[in-house]
C-alpha atoms as a PDB file:
ATOM      1  CA  MET A   1      -4.743  -5.639  -9.181  1.00  0.00           C
ATOM      2  CA  PRO A   2      -3.950  -5.504 -12.880  1.00  0.00           C
ATOM      3  CA  THR A   3      -1.626  -8.082 -14.327  1.00  0.00           C
ATOM      4  CA  THR A   4       1.064  -7.311 -16.846  1.00  0.00           C
ATOM      5  CA  ALA A   5      -0.571  -7.074 -20.266  1.00  0.00           C
ATOM      6  CA  PRO A   6       1.135  -7.957 -23.525  1.00  0.00           C
ATOM      7  CA  ALA A   7       2.640  -4.863 -25.156  1.00  0.00           C
ATOM      8  CA  ASN A   8      -0.120  -2.545 -26.386  1.00  0.00           C
ATOM      9  CA  GLU A   9      -2.776  -5.285 -26.545  1.00  0.00           C
ATOM     10  CA  GLY A  10      -6.197  -3.887 -25.647  1.00  0.00           C
ATOM     11  CA  VAL A  11      -4.693  -0.446 -24.875  1.00  0.00           C
ATOM     12  CA  VAL A  12      -6.612   2.734 -25.630  1.00  0.00           C
ATOM     13  CA  VAL A  13      -5.141   6.177 -24.952  1.00  0.00           C
ATOM     14  CA  ARG A  14      -7.717   8.955 -24.906  1.00  0.00           C
ATOM     15  CA  GLN A  15      -8.351  12.396 -23.526  1.00  0.00           C
ATOM     16  CA  ALA A  16      -9.625  12.130 -19.973  1.00  0.00           C
ATOM     17  CA  ARG A  17     -13.163  13.327 -19.253  1.00  0.00           C
ATOM     18  CA  PRO A  18     -14.753  14.747 -16.080  1.00  0.00           C
ATOM     19  CA  ALA A  19     -16.166  11.299 -15.271  1.00  0.00           C
ATOM     20  CA  ASP A  20     -12.563  10.007 -15.053  1.00  0.00           C
ATOM     21  CA  ALA A  21     -11.647  12.107 -11.990  1.00  0.00           C
ATOM     22  CA  VAL A  22     -12.041   9.198  -9.549  1.00  0.00           C
ATOM     23  CA  ALA A  23     -10.009   6.806 -11.722  1.00  0.00           C
ATOM     24  CA  LEU A  24      -7.284   9.444 -12.132  1.00  0.00           C
ATOM     25  CA  HIS A  25      -7.146  10.034  -8.378  1.00  0.00           C
ATOM     26  CA  GLU A  26      -6.924   6.295  -7.707  1.00  0.00           C
ATOM     27  CA  LEU A  27      -4.108   5.937 -10.252  1.00  0.00           C
ATOM     28  CA  ALA A  28      -2.304   8.906  -8.697  1.00  0.00           C
ATOM     29  CA  ALA A  29      -2.615   7.444  -5.198  1.00  0.00           C
ATOM     30  CA  ALA A  30      -1.223   4.106  -6.394  1.00  0.00           C
ATOM     31  CA  THR A  31       1.574   5.484  -8.575  1.00  0.00           C
ATOM     32  CA  PHE A  32       2.860   8.741  -7.043  1.00  0.00           C
ATOM     33  CA  PRO A  33       4.881   6.880  -4.379  1.00  0.00           C
ATOM     34  CA  LEU A  34       6.768   5.078  -7.164  1.00  0.00           C
ATOM     35  CA  ALA A  35       8.287   8.392  -8.255  1.00  0.00           C
ATOM     36  CA  CYS A  36       9.479   9.293  -4.762  1.00  0.00           C
ATOM     37  CA  PRO A  37      13.033   8.495  -3.674  1.00  0.00           C
ATOM     38  CA  PRO A  38      13.823   6.075  -0.871  1.00  0.00           C
ATOM     39  CA  GLY A  39      13.359   7.680   2.506  1.00  0.00           C
ATOM     40  CA  THR A  40      10.277   9.684   1.567  1.00  0.00           C
ATOM     41  CA  LEU A  41       7.835   9.317   4.426  1.00  0.00           C
ATOM     42  CA  ARG A  42       4.524   7.645   3.636  1.00  0.00           C
ATOM     43  CA  ARG A  43       2.638  10.418   5.446  1.00  0.00           C
ATOM     44  CA  ASP A  44       4.300  13.009   3.180  1.00  0.00           C
ATOM     45  CA  MET A  45       3.366  11.051   0.051  1.00  0.00           C
ATOM     46  CA  ASP A  46      -0.209  10.635   1.277  1.00  0.00           C
ATOM     47  CA  ALA A  47      -0.437  14.356   2.108  1.00  0.00           C
ATOM     48  CA  PHE A  48       0.849  15.264  -1.361  1.00  0.00           C
ATOM     49  CA  VAL A  49      -1.770  13.024  -3.003  1.00  0.00           C
ATOM     50  CA  ALA A  50      -4.519  14.458  -0.781  1.00  0.00           C
ATOM     51  CA  THR A  51      -3.448  18.044  -1.517  1.00  0.00           C
ATOM     52  CA  HIS A  52      -2.529  17.866  -5.213  1.00  0.00           C
ATOM     53  CA  LEU A  53      -4.013  14.655  -6.650  1.00  0.00           C
ATOM     54  CA  SER A  54      -7.398  14.273  -4.948  1.00  0.00           C
ATOM     55  CA  ARG A  55     -10.623  13.627  -6.856  1.00  0.00           C
ATOM     56  CA  GLU A  56     -11.516  17.294  -6.413  1.00  0.00           C
ATOM     57  CA  LYS A  57      -8.135  18.434  -7.749  1.00  0.00           C
ATOM     58  CA  MET A  58      -8.451  16.077 -10.713  1.00  0.00           C
ATOM     59  CA  THR A  59     -11.894  17.526 -11.438  1.00  0.00           C
ATOM     60  CA  GLY A  60     -10.348  21.007 -11.448  1.00  0.00           C
ATOM     61  CA  TYR A  61      -7.449  19.922 -13.655  1.00  0.00           C
ATOM     62  CA  LEU A  62      -9.882  18.401 -16.153  1.00  0.00           C
ATOM     63  CA  ALA A  63     -11.754  21.722 -16.356  1.00  0.00           C
ATOM     64  CA  ASP A  64      -8.588  23.851 -16.701  1.00  0.00           C
ATOM     65  CA  PRO A  65      -8.075  25.017 -20.326  1.00  0.00           C
ATOM     66  CA  HIS A  66      -4.301  25.150 -19.716  1.00  0.00           C
ATOM     67  CA  ARG A  67      -4.155  21.430 -18.909  1.00  0.00           C
ATOM     68  CA  GLU A  68      -4.851  18.235 -20.793  1.00  0.00           C
ATOM     69  CA  LEU A  69      -4.986  14.827 -19.180  1.00  0.00           C
ATOM     70  CA  LEU A  70      -4.666  11.635 -21.179  1.00  0.00           C
ATOM     71  CA  LEU A  71      -5.810   8.292 -19.816  1.00  0.00           C
ATOM     72  CA  ALA A  72      -4.535   4.880 -20.894  1.00  0.00           C
ATOM     73  CA  GLU A  73      -6.953   2.026 -20.425  1.00  0.00           C
ATOM     74  CA  VAL A  74      -6.418  -1.696 -20.829  1.00  0.00           C
ATOM     75  CA  ASP A  75      -9.657  -3.424 -21.684  1.00  0.00           C
ATOM     76  CA  GLY A  76     -11.542  -0.454 -20.239  1.00  0.00           C
ATOM     77  CA  ILE A  77      -9.603  -0.301 -16.939  1.00  0.00           C
ATOM     78  CA  ALA A  78      -7.419   2.728 -16.110  1.00  0.00           C
ATOM     79  CA  ALA A  79      -3.738   1.788 -16.321  1.00  0.00           C
ATOM     80  CA  GLY A  80      -1.856   5.090 -16.646  1.00  0.00           C
ATOM     81  CA  TYR A  81      -2.172   8.801 -17.294  1.00  0.00           C
ATOM     82  CA  THR A  82      -0.348  11.961 -18.242  1.00  0.00           C
ATOM     83  CA  MET A  83      -0.997  15.604 -17.459  1.00  0.00           C
ATOM     84  CA  LEU A  84       0.182  18.374 -19.761  1.00  0.00           C
ATOM     85  CA  ILE A  85       0.392  21.966 -18.527  1.00  0.00           C
ATOM     86  CA  PHE A  86       0.561  24.596 -21.272  1.00  0.00           C
ATOM     87  CA  GLY A  87       2.313  27.911 -20.686  1.00  0.00           C
ATOM     88  CA  GLU A  88       5.557  29.389 -19.477  1.00  0.00           C
ATOM     89  CA  PRO A  89       7.170  27.479 -16.570  1.00  0.00           C
ATOM     90  CA  ALA A  90       6.506  29.157 -13.214  1.00  0.00           C
ATOM     91  CA  ASP A  91       9.712  27.807 -11.644  1.00  0.00           C
ATOM     92  CA  PRO A  92      12.614  30.209 -12.401  1.00  0.00           C
ATOM     93  CA  ASP A  93      15.132  27.327 -12.381  1.00  0.00           C
ATOM     94  CA  VAL A  94      13.120  25.593 -15.113  1.00  0.00           C
ATOM     95  CA  SER A  95      12.495  28.762 -17.086  1.00  0.00           C
ATOM     96  CA  ALA A  96      16.240  29.466 -17.168  1.00  0.00           C
ATOM     97  CA  VAL A  97      17.167  26.093 -18.727  1.00  0.00           C
ATOM     98  CA  ILE A  98      14.334  25.445 -21.193  1.00  0.00           C
ATOM     99  CA  THR A  99      15.648  26.238 -24.667  1.00  0.00           C
ATOM    100  CA  VAL A 100      12.533  26.540 -26.858  1.00  0.00           C
ATOM    101  CA  ARG A 101       9.234  28.374 -26.588  1.00  0.00           C
ATOM    102  CA  PRO A 102       6.348  27.864 -26.572  1.00  0.00           C
ATOM    103  CA  THR A 103       6.785  24.895 -24.294  1.00  0.00           C
ATOM    104  CA  VAL A 104       4.551  22.550 -22.349  1.00  0.00           C
ATOM    105  CA  GLU A 105       5.207  20.641 -19.139  1.00  0.00           C
ATOM    106  CA  LEU A 106       4.699  16.898 -19.011  1.00  0.00           C
ATOM    107  CA  SER A 107       3.683  17.246 -15.388  1.00  0.00           C
ATOM    108  CA  LYS A 108       2.564  13.674 -14.767  1.00  0.00           C
ATOM    109  CA  LEU A 109       3.348  10.351 -16.402  1.00  0.00           C
ATOM    110  CA  TYR A 110       2.346   7.441 -14.253  1.00  0.00           C
ATOM    111  CA  VAL A 111       1.594   3.825 -15.110  1.00  0.00           C
ATOM    112  CA  HIS A 112       0.264   1.264 -12.664  1.00  0.00           C
ATOM    113  CA  THR A 113       2.952  -1.233 -11.634  1.00  0.00           C
ATOM    114  CA  GLY A 114       0.943  -4.114 -13.086  1.00  0.00           C
ATOM    115  CA  HIS A 115       1.517  -2.566 -16.518  1.00  0.00           C
ATOM    116  CA  HIS A 116       5.190  -1.629 -16.273  1.00  0.00           C
ATOM    117  CA  GLY A 117       7.101  -2.889 -19.293  1.00  0.00           C
ATOM    118  CA  SER A 118       3.966  -3.206 -21.422  1.00  0.00           C
ATOM    119  CA  GLY A 119       4.602  -0.186 -23.663  1.00  0.00           C
ATOM    120  CA  ILE A 120       1.846   1.937 -22.099  1.00  0.00           C
ATOM    121  CA  ALA A 121       4.267   4.663 -20.948  1.00  0.00           C
ATOM    122  CA  ALA A 122       5.651   5.013 -24.477  1.00  0.00           C
ATOM    123  CA  ARG A 123       2.112   5.210 -25.892  1.00  0.00           C
ATOM    124  CA  LEU A 124       1.213   7.908 -23.354  1.00  0.00           C
ATOM    125  CA  VAL A 125       4.341   9.911 -24.171  1.00  0.00           C
ATOM    126  CA  GLU A 126       3.691   9.737 -27.903  1.00  0.00           C
ATOM    127  CA  ALA A 127       0.062  10.798 -27.468  1.00  0.00           C
ATOM    128  CA  SER A 128       1.143  13.637 -25.162  1.00  0.00           C
ATOM    129  CA  LEU A 129       3.717  14.863 -27.664  1.00  0.00           C
ATOM    130  CA  ARG A 130       1.107  14.871 -30.425  1.00  0.00           C
ATOM    131  CA  ARG A 131      -1.265  16.907 -28.193  1.00  0.00           C
ATOM    132  CA  ALA A 132       1.473  19.423 -27.421  1.00  0.00           C
ATOM    133  CA  LEU A 133       2.357  19.758 -31.115  1.00  0.00           C
ATOM    134  CA  ARG A 134      -1.289  20.348 -32.030  1.00  0.00           C
ATOM    135  CA  ARG A 135      -1.396  23.238 -29.568  1.00  0.00           C
ATOM    136  CA  GLY A 136       1.680  24.845 -31.073  1.00  0.00           C
ATOM    137  CA  ALA A 137       4.414  23.849 -28.638  1.00  0.00           C
ATOM    138  CA  ARG A 138       7.978  23.660 -29.940  1.00  0.00           C
ATOM    139  CA  GLY A 139       9.159  21.572 -27.021  1.00  0.00           C
ATOM    140  CA  ILE A 140       8.116  19.728 -23.899  1.00  0.00           C
ATOM    141  CA  TRP A 141       9.824  19.506 -20.517  1.00  0.00           C
ATOM    142  CA  LEU A 142       9.496  17.523 -17.303  1.00  0.00           C
ATOM    143  CA  GLY A 143      10.987  17.174 -13.852  1.00  0.00           C
ATOM    144  CA  VAL A 144      12.058  13.759 -12.583  1.00  0.00           C
ATOM    145  CA  ASN A 145      13.686  12.825  -9.303  1.00  0.00           C
ATOM    146  CA  GLN A 146      17.419  12.387  -9.701  1.00  0.00           C
ATOM    147  CA  LEU A 147      17.306   9.051  -7.839  1.00  0.00           C
ATOM    148  CA  ASN A 148      14.544   7.569 -10.014  1.00  0.00           C
ATOM    149  CA  GLU A 149      16.817   5.479 -12.250  1.00  0.00           C
ATOM    150  CA  ARG A 150      14.009   3.664 -14.035  1.00  0.00           C
ATOM    151  CA  ALA A 151      12.230   6.879 -15.023  1.00  0.00           C
ATOM    152  CA  ASN A 152      15.467   8.613 -16.034  1.00  0.00           C
ATOM    153  CA  ALA A 153      16.440   5.691 -18.276  1.00  0.00           C
ATOM    154  CA  PHE A 154      12.976   5.765 -19.868  1.00  0.00           C
ATOM    155  CA  TYR A 155      13.169   9.517 -20.512  1.00  0.00           C
ATOM    156  CA  ASP A 156      16.672   9.162 -21.991  1.00  0.00           C
ATOM    157  CA  LYS A 157      15.369   6.479 -24.342  1.00  0.00           C
ATOM    158  CA  SER A 158      12.367   8.671 -25.209  1.00  0.00           C
ATOM    159  CA  GLY A 159      14.596  11.592 -26.295  1.00  0.00           C
ATOM    160  CA  PHE A 160      14.344  13.901 -23.269  1.00  0.00           C
ATOM    161  CA  ALA A 161      17.741  15.553 -22.793  1.00  0.00           C
ATOM    162  CA  LEU A 162      19.006  16.535 -19.356  1.00  0.00           C
ATOM    163  CA  VAL A 163      19.100  20.362 -19.337  1.00  0.00           C
ATOM    164  CA  GLY A 164      19.153  21.372 -15.663  1.00  0.00           C
ATOM    165  CA  THR A 165      17.921  20.813 -12.125  1.00  0.00           C
ATOM    166  CA  LYS A 166      15.141  22.026  -9.890  1.00  0.00           C
ATOM    167  CA  ARG A 167      13.710  21.314  -6.442  1.00  0.00           C
ATOM    168  CA  PHE A 168      10.392  19.636  -5.634  1.00  0.00           C
ATOM    169  CA  LEU A 169       8.667  19.734  -2.237  1.00  0.00           C
ATOM    170  CA  VAL A 170       7.074  16.574  -0.834  1.00  0.00           C
ATOM    171  CA  GLY A 171       5.833  17.171   2.689  1.00  0.00           C
ATOM    172  CA  THR A 172       8.581  19.104   4.458  1.00  0.00           C
ATOM    173  CA  ARG A 173      11.411  17.608   2.408  1.00  0.00           C
ATOM    174  CA  TRP A 174      12.875  19.169  -0.715  1.00  0.00           C
ATOM    175  CA  GLU A 175      13.807  16.677  -3.400  1.00  0.00           C
ATOM    176  CA  ASP A 176      16.290  17.221  -6.202  1.00  0.00           C
ATOM    177  CA  ASP A 177      14.905  16.755  -9.706  1.00  0.00           C
ATOM    178  CA  PHE A 178      16.470  16.723 -13.118  1.00  0.00           C
ATOM    179  CA  VAL A 179      14.854  18.960 -15.709  1.00  0.00           C
ATOM    180  CA  ARG A 180      14.599  17.188 -19.060  1.00  0.00           C
ATOM    181  CA  GLU A 181      13.515  18.670 -22.365  1.00  0.00           C
ATOM    182  CA  LEU A 182      12.537  17.290 -25.740  1.00  0.00           C
ATOM    183  CA  ARG A 183      12.726  19.744 -28.639  1.00  0.00           C
ATOM    184  CA  PHE A 184      10.222  18.842 -31.319  1.00  0.00           C
ATOM    185  CA  GLU A 185      12.697  19.690 -34.074  1.00  0.00           C
ATOM    186  CA  SER A 186      14.658  16.602 -32.966  1.00  0.00           C
ATOM    187  CA  TRP A 187      11.630  14.327 -32.583  1.00  0.00           C
ATOM    188  CA  PRO A 188      10.445  12.156 -35.453  1.00  0.00           C
ATOM    189  CA  THR A 189       7.114  13.033 -37.008  1.00  0.00           C
ATOM    190  CA  PRO A 190       4.498  11.391 -34.797  1.00  0.00           C
ATOM    191  CA  ARG A 191       2.531   8.473 -36.139  1.00  0.00           C
ATOM    192  CA  ARG A 192      -1.124   9.038 -36.885  1.00  0.00           C
ATOM    193  CA  PRO A 193      -3.438   7.597 -34.217  1.00  0.00           C
END
């Protein structure tokens, strides 16, 4: 298991490659349960990972021109990742509350627990925002479980405003998510990598 690293020391954030599919799946399996609210059944979390975050799915996501995955590594070991999905939101609840177009979804932002508090999540967000800007997005949105206090506090601090709600299915249980949006007009000019 990774240990907590000093903030940003030895951290590299890069675009994920096809060879990273296994590492991305392993990160997803370790971190997806952290985003689930109390009471979510382990079998439902495992089924979600097997259905949506398997090695095969990650391979497909990496080949999809409408997605970009970024991988954070600490001394060459995978520590966190993001997934961006470019295009109009498919969920009508999301589409109704997003205020700028074109937009991109920050679909995944997960950091291994051994690296929480190290600044990796902030580095991944900044790199993701730069990628979205380069592809012409005017804003970025995400869904986060309403009971995930840690994630909601992080997104508040990162400039993602609460703009609405949506539902998210894990197993047979619908979860309630906040929809958060960051408009690039309100975001400082990103630092150069």
